[in-house]
Amino acid sequence: MAQIIYVSHGGGPLPLLGDASHKAMVDFLRELPSPPRPPEAILVISAHWEERAATLLGARNPPLAYDC
């Protein structure tokens, strides 16, 4: 059975800083199995990477992409 975990990055460090608006996310992460199984794949979807056409990147060791 696949283990799928969705984690939003929208709050930056706020979950680590105890921001009340991120309590649900922190509670969810605390309930995950420890340690989680190693992933078979990681999917990242970003609105911060602009290309003229829809673009997919697939690599065993992809480069780090920075927000501009």
N, C-alpha and C. Protein backbone atom coordinates (compact mmCIF):
# COMPACT_ATOMS: atom_id res chain seq x y z
N MET A 1 0.85 -1.18 0.00
CA MET A 1 0.00 0.00 0.00
C MET A 1 0.89 1.24 0.00
N ALA A 2 0.58 2.18 -0.87
CA ALA A 2 1.37 3.40 -0.99
C ALA A 2 1.17 4.30 0.23
N GLN A 3 2.24 4.94 0.62
CA GLN A 3 2.19 5.95 1.68
C GLN A 3 2.36 7.30 1.01
N ILE A 4 1.34 8.15 1.09
CA ILE A 4 1.39 9.45 0.44
C ILE A 4 1.29 10.52 1.53
N ILE A 5 2.24 11.44 1.50
CA ILE A 5 2.26 12.53 2.47
C ILE A 5 2.31 13.84 1.71
N TYR A 6 1.38 14.74 2.00
CA TYR A 6 1.37 16.07 1.39
C TYR A 6 1.80 17.08 2.44
N VAL A 7 2.79 17.88 2.11
CA VAL A 7 3.25 18.93 3.01
C VAL A 7 3.31 20.24 2.23
N SER A 8 2.57 21.23 2.66
CA SER A 8 2.59 22.54 2.03
C SER A 8 3.79 23.31 2.56
N HIS A 9 4.42 24.11 1.70
CA HIS A 9 5.53 24.93 2.15
C HIS A 9 5.12 26.38 2.40
N GLY A 10 3.84 26.67 2.25
CA GLY A 10 3.38 28.05 2.26
C GLY A 10 3.66 28.86 3.51
N GLY A 11 3.87 28.24 4.64
CA GLY A 11 4.06 29.00 5.86
C GLY A 11 5.49 29.32 6.20
N GLY A 12 6.42 28.91 5.32
CA GLY A 12 7.83 29.15 5.65
C GLY A 12 8.17 28.55 7.00
N PRO A 13 8.82 29.31 7.87
CA PRO A 13 9.21 28.77 9.18
C PRO A 13 8.11 28.85 10.24
N LEU A 14 6.93 29.37 9.89
CA LEU A 14 5.89 29.60 10.90
C LEU A 14 5.52 28.35 11.69
N PRO A 15 5.42 27.15 11.07
CA PRO A 15 5.11 25.98 11.88
C PRO A 15 6.18 25.72 12.96
N LEU A 16 7.42 25.98 12.62
CA LEU A 16 8.51 25.77 13.59
C LEU A 16 8.51 26.83 14.69
N LEU A 17 7.94 27.98 14.39
CA LEU A 17 7.92 29.08 15.35
C LEU A 17 6.68 29.07 16.24
N GLY A 18 5.82 28.05 16.06
CA GLY A 18 4.64 27.92 16.92
C GLY A 18 3.49 28.83 16.53
N ASP A 19 3.44 29.30 15.30
CA ASP A 19 2.35 30.16 14.86
C ASP A 19 1.03 29.41 14.95
N ALA A 20 0.04 30.00 15.60
CA ALA A 20 -1.24 29.33 15.84
C ALA A 20 -1.96 28.93 14.56
N SER A 21 -1.77 29.67 13.47
CA SER A 21 -2.47 29.35 12.22
C SER A 21 -1.91 28.08 11.56
N HIS A 22 -0.82 27.55 12.05
CA HIS A 22 -0.22 26.34 11.49
C HIS A 22 -0.33 25.13 12.42
N LYS A 23 -1.18 25.25 13.45
CA LYS A 23 -1.33 24.16 14.42
C LYS A 23 -1.79 22.86 13.76
N ALA A 24 -2.74 22.94 12.82
CA ALA A 24 -3.24 21.73 12.16
C ALA A 24 -2.11 21.01 11.41
N MET A 25 -1.24 21.77 10.74
CA MET A 25 -0.14 21.15 10.02
C MET A 25 0.84 20.47 10.98
N VAL A 26 1.16 21.15 12.07
CA VAL A 26 2.07 20.57 13.06
C VAL A 26 1.47 19.31 13.67
N ASP A 27 0.18 19.34 14.01
CA ASP A 27 -0.49 18.16 14.57
C ASP A 27 -0.45 16.99 13.59
N PHE A 28 -0.72 17.27 12.30
CA PHE A 28 -0.68 16.24 11.27
C PHE A 28 0.71 15.60 11.19
N LEU A 29 1.75 16.42 11.14
CA LEU A 29 3.11 15.89 11.03
C LEU A 29 3.51 15.07 12.25
N ARG A 30 3.02 15.46 13.41
CA ARG A 30 3.33 14.70 14.64
C ARG A 30 2.68 13.32 14.65
N GLU A 31 1.58 13.15 13.90
CA GLU A 31 0.86 11.88 13.86
C GLU A 31 1.40 10.91 12.81
N LEU A 32 2.36 11.34 11.99
CA LEU A 32 2.94 10.45 10.98
C LEU A 32 3.74 9.33 11.65
N PRO A 33 3.81 8.17 11.01
CA PRO A 33 4.63 7.09 11.57
C PRO A 33 6.08 7.54 11.69
N SER A 34 6.73 7.05 12.69
CA SER A 34 8.13 7.42 12.89
C SER A 34 8.99 6.18 12.93
N PRO A 35 9.96 6.04 12.10
CA PRO A 35 10.25 6.89 10.95
C PRO A 35 9.37 6.50 9.77
N PRO A 36 9.09 7.47 8.89
CA PRO A 36 8.31 7.12 7.69
C PRO A 36 9.14 6.22 6.78
N ARG A 37 8.44 5.44 5.94
CA ARG A 37 9.16 4.58 4.99
C ARG A 37 9.92 5.45 3.99
N PRO A 38 11.05 4.96 3.49
CA PRO A 38 11.76 5.73 2.46
C PRO A 38 10.86 5.91 1.24
N PRO A 39 10.88 7.09 0.62
CA PRO A 39 9.98 7.33 -0.51
C PRO A 39 10.42 6.59 -1.77
N GLU A 40 9.43 6.16 -2.54
CA GLU A 40 9.71 5.61 -3.87
C GLU A 40 9.83 6.75 -4.88
N ALA A 41 9.16 7.86 -4.61
CA ALA A 41 9.20 9.03 -5.48
C ALA A 41 8.84 10.26 -4.66
N ILE A 42 9.30 11.40 -5.13
CA ILE A 42 8.95 12.69 -4.53
C ILE A 42 8.42 13.57 -5.65
N LEU A 43 7.25 14.16 -5.44
CA LEU A 43 6.65 15.05 -6.42
C LEU A 43 6.59 16.45 -5.82
N VAL A 44 7.16 17.41 -6.53
CA VAL A 44 7.13 18.81 -6.11
C VAL A 44 6.44 19.61 -7.20
N ILE A 45 5.44 20.38 -6.82
CA ILE A 45 4.73 21.25 -7.76
C ILE A 45 4.97 22.67 -7.29
N SER A 46 5.47 23.51 -8.18
CA SER A 46 5.81 24.88 -7.80
C SER A 46 5.23 25.89 -8.76
N ALA A 47 4.73 26.97 -8.22
CA ALA A 47 4.27 28.10 -9.03
C ALA A 47 5.39 29.12 -9.18
N HIS A 48 6.57 28.81 -8.68
CA HIS A 48 7.68 29.76 -8.68
C HIS A 48 8.71 29.48 -9.77
N TRP A 49 8.43 28.54 -10.63
CA TRP A 49 9.35 28.17 -11.70
C TRP A 49 8.65 28.48 -13.01
N GLU A 50 9.13 29.46 -13.75
CA GLU A 50 8.44 29.90 -14.95
C GLU A 50 9.14 29.38 -16.20
N GLU A 51 8.36 28.84 -17.12
CA GLU A 51 8.82 28.37 -18.42
C GLU A 51 7.79 28.81 -19.45
N ARG A 52 8.19 28.88 -20.71
CA ARG A 52 7.25 29.25 -21.77
C ARG A 52 6.21 28.16 -21.99
N ALA A 53 6.57 26.92 -21.75
CA ALA A 53 5.66 25.78 -21.93
C ALA A 53 5.67 24.95 -20.65
N ALA A 54 4.58 24.20 -20.43
CA ALA A 54 4.55 23.30 -19.27
C ALA A 54 5.79 22.41 -19.31
N THR A 55 6.48 22.30 -18.20
CA THR A 55 7.78 21.63 -18.16
C THR A 55 7.83 20.62 -17.03
N LEU A 56 8.36 19.47 -17.32
CA LEU A 56 8.58 18.43 -16.31
C LEU A 56 10.07 18.19 -16.18
N LEU A 57 10.53 18.00 -14.97
CA LEU A 57 11.92 17.66 -14.72
C LEU A 57 11.92 16.31 -14.02
N GLY A 58 12.65 15.38 -14.54
CA GLY A 58 12.75 14.06 -13.91
C GLY A 58 14.21 13.65 -13.85
N ALA A 59 14.71 13.41 -12.66
CA ALA A 59 16.11 13.03 -12.50
C ALA A 59 16.28 12.33 -11.16
N ARG A 60 17.22 11.39 -11.12
CA ARG A 60 17.50 10.70 -9.86
C ARG A 60 18.04 11.68 -8.82
N ASN A 61 18.87 12.62 -9.25
CA ASN A 61 19.42 13.66 -8.36
C ASN A 61 19.20 15.02 -9.03
N PRO A 62 17.99 15.57 -8.95
CA PRO A 62 17.69 16.81 -9.65
C PRO A 62 18.45 17.99 -9.02
N PRO A 63 18.68 19.05 -9.81
CA PRO A 63 19.34 20.23 -9.26
C PRO A 63 18.40 20.96 -8.29
N LEU A 64 18.97 21.76 -7.43
CA LEU A 64 18.19 22.56 -6.49
C LEU A 64 17.63 23.76 -7.23
N ALA A 65 16.34 24.03 -7.11
CA ALA A 65 15.71 25.17 -7.76
C ALA A 65 15.42 26.22 -6.69
N TYR A 66 15.79 27.44 -6.97
CA TYR A 66 15.59 28.54 -6.04
C TYR A 66 14.46 29.44 -6.49
N ASP A 67 13.67 29.97 -5.55
CA ASP A 67 12.68 30.98 -5.87
C ASP A 67 13.43 32.29 -6.17
N CYS A 68 12.94 33.04 -7.13
CA CYS A 68 13.58 34.32 -7.46
C CYS A 68 12.74 35.46 -6.96
